[in-house]
Amino acid sequence: MKKRVFCLSLAALVSTVFAAEFDADHAVFGKILKRFVEDARVDFAGLKSDTKDLK
C-alpha cells in the first residue's frame, strides 16, 4: 500500500513539473511563424540558421 501511494505521489509530482514547462498557448510556435512565414511561404534558410527558439 505504501509503495502504491509513493508511486502515485511521484507520478503526480513529475506530471506537474512537465505541465509547468508546456506552452499551452503555443507562444513560441507563433513567434517562429511570425518570423519565418510570409504569404504562406516559409523561409527555411532563415529558420535553419536561427534555431534558438526551436529547442
PDB file of N, CA and C in Angstrom:
ATOM      1  N   MET A   1       0.826  -1.196   0.000  1.00  0.00           N
ATOM      2  CA  MET A   1       0.000   0.000   0.000  1.00  0.00           C
ATOM      3  C   MET A   1       0.871   1.261   0.000  1.00  0.00           C
ATOM      4  N   LYS A   2       1.925   1.289   0.840  1.00  0.00           N
ATOM      5  CA  LYS A   2       2.809   2.443   0.897  1.00  0.00           C
ATOM      6  C   LYS A   2       3.523   2.652  -0.432  1.00  0.00           C
ATOM      7  N   LYS A   3       3.883   1.548  -1.077  1.00  0.00           N
ATOM      8  CA  LYS A   3       4.564   1.634  -2.371  1.00  0.00           C
ATOM      9  C   LYS A   3       3.643   2.263  -3.416  1.00  0.00           C
ATOM     10  N   ARG A   4       2.381   1.907  -3.397  1.00  0.00           N
ATOM     11  CA  ARG A   4       1.414   2.437  -4.349  1.00  0.00           C
ATOM     12  C   ARG A   4       1.209   3.940  -4.127  1.00  0.00           C
ATOM     13  N   VAL A   5       1.095   4.349  -2.885  1.00  0.00           N
ATOM     14  CA  VAL A   5       0.932   5.775  -2.565  1.00  0.00           C
ATOM     15  C   VAL A   5       2.169   6.550  -3.005  1.00  0.00           C
ATOM     16  N   PHE A   6       3.343   5.989  -2.754  1.00  0.00           N
ATOM     17  CA  PHE A   6       4.580   6.640  -3.167  1.00  0.00           C
ATOM     18  C   PHE A   6       4.626   6.795  -4.690  1.00  0.00           C
ATOM     19  N   CYS A   7       4.293   5.744  -5.415  1.00  0.00           N
ATOM     20  CA  CYS A   7       4.312   5.793  -6.884  1.00  0.00           C
ATOM     21  C   CYS A   7       3.326   6.828  -7.424  1.00  0.00           C
ATOM     22  N   LEU A   8       2.138   6.870  -6.854  1.00  0.00           N
ATOM     23  CA  LEU A   8       1.146   7.848  -7.294  1.00  0.00           C
ATOM     24  C   LEU A   8       1.589   9.274  -6.981  1.00  0.00           C
ATOM     25  N   SER A   9       2.192   9.456  -5.830  1.00  0.00           N
ATOM     26  CA  SER A   9       2.700  10.783  -5.462  1.00  0.00           C
ATOM     27  C   SER A   9       3.825  11.214  -6.386  1.00  0.00           C
ATOM     28  N   LEU A  10       4.712  10.298  -6.689  1.00  0.00           N
ATOM     29  CA  LEU A  10       5.825  10.592  -7.594  1.00  0.00           C
ATOM     30  C   LEU A  10       5.307  10.925  -8.994  1.00  0.00           C
ATOM     31  N   ALA A  11       4.341  10.175  -9.477  1.00  0.00           N
ATOM     32  CA  ALA A  11       3.758  10.440 -10.794  1.00  0.00           C
ATOM     33  C   ALA A  11       3.088  11.809 -10.838  1.00  0.00           C
ATOM     34  N   ALA A  12       2.397  12.174  -9.785  1.00  0.00           N
ATOM     35  CA  ALA A  12       1.752  13.487  -9.727  1.00  0.00           C
ATOM     36  C   ALA A  12       2.786  14.599  -9.734  1.00  0.00           C
ATOM     37  N   LEU A  13       3.869  14.418  -9.009  1.00  0.00           N
ATOM     38  CA  LEU A  13       4.929  15.419  -8.962  1.00  0.00           C
ATOM     39  C   LEU A  13       5.587  15.587 -10.329  1.00  0.00           C
ATOM     40  N   VAL A  14       5.916  14.494 -10.969  1.00  0.00           N
ATOM     41  CA  VAL A  14       6.566  14.541 -12.281  1.00  0.00           C
ATOM     42  C   VAL A  14       5.649  15.185 -13.314  1.00  0.00           C
ATOM     43  N   SER A  15       4.377  14.829 -13.321  1.00  0.00           N
ATOM     44  CA  SER A  15       3.457  15.410 -14.296  1.00  0.00           C
ATOM     45  C   SER A  15       3.268  16.906 -14.063  1.00  0.00           C
ATOM     46  N   THR A  16       3.331  17.348 -12.818  1.00  0.00           N
ATOM     47  CA  THR A  16       3.224  18.773 -12.510  1.00  0.00           C
ATOM     48  C   THR A  16       4.423  19.535 -13.052  1.00  0.00           C
ATOM     49  N   VAL A  17       5.599  18.970 -12.930  1.00  0.00           N
ATOM     50  CA  VAL A  17       6.815  19.615 -13.430  1.00  0.00           C
ATOM     51  C   VAL A  17       6.747  19.745 -14.947  1.00  0.00           C
ATOM     52  N   PHE A  18       6.339  18.685 -15.645  1.00  0.00           N
ATOM     53  CA  PHE A  18       6.255  18.741 -17.100  1.00  0.00           C
ATOM     54  C   PHE A  18       5.138  19.667 -17.553  1.00  0.00           C
ATOM     55  N   ALA A  19       4.052  19.722 -16.838  1.00  0.00           N
ATOM     56  CA  ALA A  19       2.947  20.608 -17.201  1.00  0.00           C
ATOM     57  C   ALA A  19       3.351  22.068 -17.074  1.00  0.00           C
ATOM     58  N   ALA A  20       4.204  22.384 -16.134  1.00  0.00           N
ATOM     59  CA  ALA A  20       4.652  23.762 -15.953  1.00  0.00           C
ATOM     60  C   ALA A  20       5.488  24.229 -17.135  1.00  0.00           C
ATOM     61  N   GLU A  21       6.176  23.315 -17.808  1.00  0.00           N
ATOM     62  CA  GLU A  21       7.009  23.649 -18.957  1.00  0.00           C
ATOM     63  C   GLU A  21       6.228  23.681 -20.266  1.00  0.00           C
ATOM     64  N   PHE A  22       5.033  23.144 -20.301  1.00  0.00           N
ATOM     65  CA  PHE A  22       4.255  23.058 -21.534  1.00  0.00           C
ATOM     66  C   PHE A  22       3.704  24.422 -21.913  1.00  0.00           C
ATOM     67  N   ASP A  23       3.874  24.802 -23.160  1.00  0.00           N
ATOM     68  CA  ASP A  23       3.414  26.088 -23.690  1.00  0.00           C
ATOM     69  C   ASP A  23       2.008  25.905 -24.252  1.00  0.00           C
ATOM     70  N   ALA A  24       1.006  26.034 -23.415  1.00  0.00           N
ATOM     71  CA  ALA A  24      -0.373  25.748 -23.807  1.00  0.00           C
ATOM     72  C   ALA A  24      -0.918  26.704 -24.859  1.00  0.00           C
ATOM     73  N   ASP A  25      -0.426  27.922 -24.882  1.00  0.00           N
ATOM     74  CA  ASP A  25      -0.940  28.860 -25.888  1.00  0.00           C
ATOM     75  C   ASP A  25      -0.042  28.913 -27.129  1.00  0.00           C
ATOM     76  N   HIS A  26       0.969  28.085 -27.181  1.00  0.00           N
ATOM     77  CA  HIS A  26       1.861  27.948 -28.341  1.00  0.00           C
ATOM     78  C   HIS A  26       2.535  29.271 -28.707  1.00  0.00           C
ATOM     79  N   ALA A  27       2.902  30.053 -27.718  1.00  0.00           N
ATOM     80  CA  ALA A  27       3.513  31.359 -27.948  1.00  0.00           C
ATOM     81  C   ALA A  27       4.829  31.251 -28.713  1.00  0.00           C
ATOM     82  N   VAL A  28       5.628  30.270 -28.379  1.00  0.00           N
ATOM     83  CA  VAL A  28       6.911  30.107 -29.068  1.00  0.00           C
ATOM     84  C   VAL A  28       6.675  29.752 -30.532  1.00  0.00           C
ATOM     85  N   PHE A  29       5.743  28.858 -30.794  1.00  0.00           N
ATOM     86  CA  PHE A  29       5.433  28.469 -32.167  1.00  0.00           C
ATOM     87  C   PHE A  29       4.908  29.663 -32.958  1.00  0.00           C
ATOM     88  N   GLY A  30       4.059  30.463 -32.359  1.00  0.00           N
ATOM     89  CA  GLY A  30       3.533  31.661 -33.018  1.00  0.00           C
ATOM     90  C   GLY A  30       4.635  32.654 -33.343  1.00  0.00           C
ATOM     91  N   LYS A  31       5.585  32.784 -32.423  1.00  0.00           N
ATOM     92  CA  LYS A  31       6.725  33.681 -32.637  1.00  0.00           C
ATOM     93  C   LYS A  31       7.546  33.212 -33.839  1.00  0.00           C
ATOM     94  N   ILE A  32       7.774  31.917 -33.937  1.00  0.00           N
ATOM     95  CA  ILE A  32       8.532  31.354 -35.053  1.00  0.00           C
ATOM     96  C   ILE A  32       7.784  31.575 -36.365  1.00  0.00           C
ATOM     97  N   LEU A  33       6.483  31.338 -36.361  1.00  0.00           N
ATOM     98  CA  LEU A  33       5.700  31.537 -37.581  1.00  0.00           C
ATOM     99  C   LEU A  33       5.735  32.986 -38.050  1.00  0.00           C
ATOM    100  N   LYS A  34       5.642  33.917 -37.119  1.00  0.00           N
ATOM    101  CA  LYS A  34       5.675  35.338 -37.494  1.00  0.00           C
ATOM    102  C   LYS A  34       7.014  35.725 -38.108  1.00  0.00           C
ATOM    103  N   ARG A  35       8.073  35.111 -37.636  1.00  0.00           N
ATOM    104  CA  ARG A  35       9.406  35.462 -38.141  1.00  0.00           C
ATOM    105  C   ARG A  35       9.736  34.815 -39.468  1.00  0.00           C
ATOM    106  N   PHE A  36       9.277  33.590 -39.709  1.00  0.00           N
ATOM    107  CA  PHE A  36       9.762  32.833 -40.857  1.00  0.00           C
ATOM    108  C   PHE A  36       8.701  32.469 -41.889  1.00  0.00           C
ATOM    109  N   VAL A  37       7.473  32.945 -41.733  1.00  0.00           N
ATOM    110  CA  VAL A  37       6.428  32.657 -42.723  1.00  0.00           C
ATOM    111  C   VAL A  37       5.835  33.978 -43.196  1.00  0.00           C
ATOM    112  N   GLU A  38       5.785  34.129 -44.517  1.00  0.00           N
ATOM    113  CA  GLU A  38       5.191  35.325 -45.112  1.00  0.00           C
ATOM    114  C   GLU A  38       4.476  34.916 -46.397  1.00  0.00           C
ATOM    115  N   ASP A  39       3.235  35.300 -46.518  1.00  0.00           N
ATOM    116  CA  ASP A  39       2.413  34.947 -47.687  1.00  0.00           C
ATOM    117  C   ASP A  39       2.423  33.442 -47.947  1.00  0.00           C
ATOM    118  N   ALA A  40       2.270  32.670 -46.908  1.00  0.00           N
ATOM    119  CA  ALA A  40       2.216  31.204 -46.960  1.00  0.00           C
ATOM    120  C   ALA A  40       3.515  30.582 -47.469  1.00  0.00           C
ATOM    121  N   ARG A  41       4.612  31.323 -47.373  1.00  0.00           N
ATOM    122  CA  ARG A  41       5.923  30.803 -47.782  1.00  0.00           C
ATOM    123  C   ARG A  41       6.845  30.804 -46.563  1.00  0.00           C
ATOM    124  N   VAL A  42       7.525  29.692 -46.399  1.00  0.00           N
ATOM    125  CA  VAL A  42       8.412  29.520 -45.246  1.00  0.00           C
ATOM    126  C   VAL A  42       9.847  29.827 -45.659  1.00  0.00           C
ATOM    127  N   ASP A  43      10.510  30.654 -44.877  1.00  0.00           N
ATOM    128  CA  ASP A  43      11.930  30.959 -45.078  1.00  0.00           C
ATOM    129  C   ASP A  43      12.738  29.864 -44.374  1.00  0.00           C
ATOM    130  N   PHE A  44      12.932  28.749 -45.081  1.00  0.00           N
ATOM    131  CA  PHE A  44      13.611  27.607 -44.485  1.00  0.00           C
ATOM    132  C   PHE A  44      15.082  27.904 -44.189  1.00  0.00           C
ATOM    133  N   ALA A  45      15.729  28.682 -45.037  1.00  0.00           N
ATOM    134  CA  ALA A  45      17.141  29.020 -44.803  1.00  0.00           C
ATOM    135  C   ALA A  45      17.264  29.846 -43.523  1.00  0.00           C
ATOM    136  N   GLY A  46      16.375  30.810 -43.344  1.00  0.00           N
ATOM    137  CA  GLY A  46      16.399  31.614 -42.112  1.00  0.00           C
ATOM    138  C   GLY A  46      16.086  30.789 -40.889  1.00  0.00           C
ATOM    139  N   LEU A  47      15.130  29.899 -41.015  1.00  0.00           N
ATOM    140  CA  LEU A  47      14.760  29.022 -39.907  1.00  0.00           C
ATOM    141  C   LEU A  47      15.912  28.104 -39.526  1.00  0.00           C
ATOM    142  N   LYS A  48      16.584  27.588 -40.545  1.00  0.00           N
ATOM    143  CA  LYS A  48      17.714  26.679 -40.287  1.00  0.00           C
ATOM    144  C   LYS A  48      18.880  27.413 -39.624  1.00  0.00           C
ATOM    145  N   SER A  49      19.100  28.661 -40.009  1.00  0.00           N
ATOM    146  CA  SER A  49      20.234  29.392 -39.458  1.00  0.00           C
ATOM    147  C   SER A  49      19.979  29.945 -38.059  1.00  0.00           C
ATOM    148  N   ASP A  50      18.723  30.046 -37.652  1.00  0.00           N
ATOM    149  CA  ASP A  50      18.381  30.612 -36.338  1.00  0.00           C
ATOM    150  C   ASP A  50      17.497  29.621 -35.591  1.00  0.00           C
ATOM    151  N   THR A  51      18.107  28.678 -34.917  1.00  0.00           N
ATOM    152  CA  THR A  51      17.370  27.579 -34.284  1.00  0.00           C
ATOM    153  C   THR A  51      17.165  27.751 -32.788  1.00  0.00           C
ATOM    154  N   LYS A  52      17.509  28.910 -32.230  1.00  0.00           N
ATOM    155  CA  LYS A  52      17.442  29.071 -30.763  1.00  0.00           C
ATOM    156  C   LYS A  52      16.024  28.877 -30.209  1.00  0.00           C
ATOM    157  N   ASP A  53      14.986  29.258 -30.953  1.00  0.00           N
ATOM    158  CA  ASP A  53      13.608  29.117 -30.472  1.00  0.00           C
ATOM    159  C   ASP A  53      13.039  27.719 -30.682  1.00  0.00           C
ATOM    160  N   LEU A  54      13.747  26.868 -31.404  1.00  0.00           N
ATOM    161  CA  LEU A  54      13.237  25.526 -31.689  1.00  0.00           C
ATOM    162  C   LEU A  54      13.556  24.524 -30.586  1.00  0.00           C
ATOM    163  N   LYS A  55      14.306  24.923 -29.599  1.00  0.00           N
ATOM    164  CA  LYS A  55      14.707  23.972 -28.548  1.00  0.00           C
ATOM    165  C   LYS A  55      13.834  24.050 -27.345  1.00  0.00           C
TER     166      LYS A  55
END
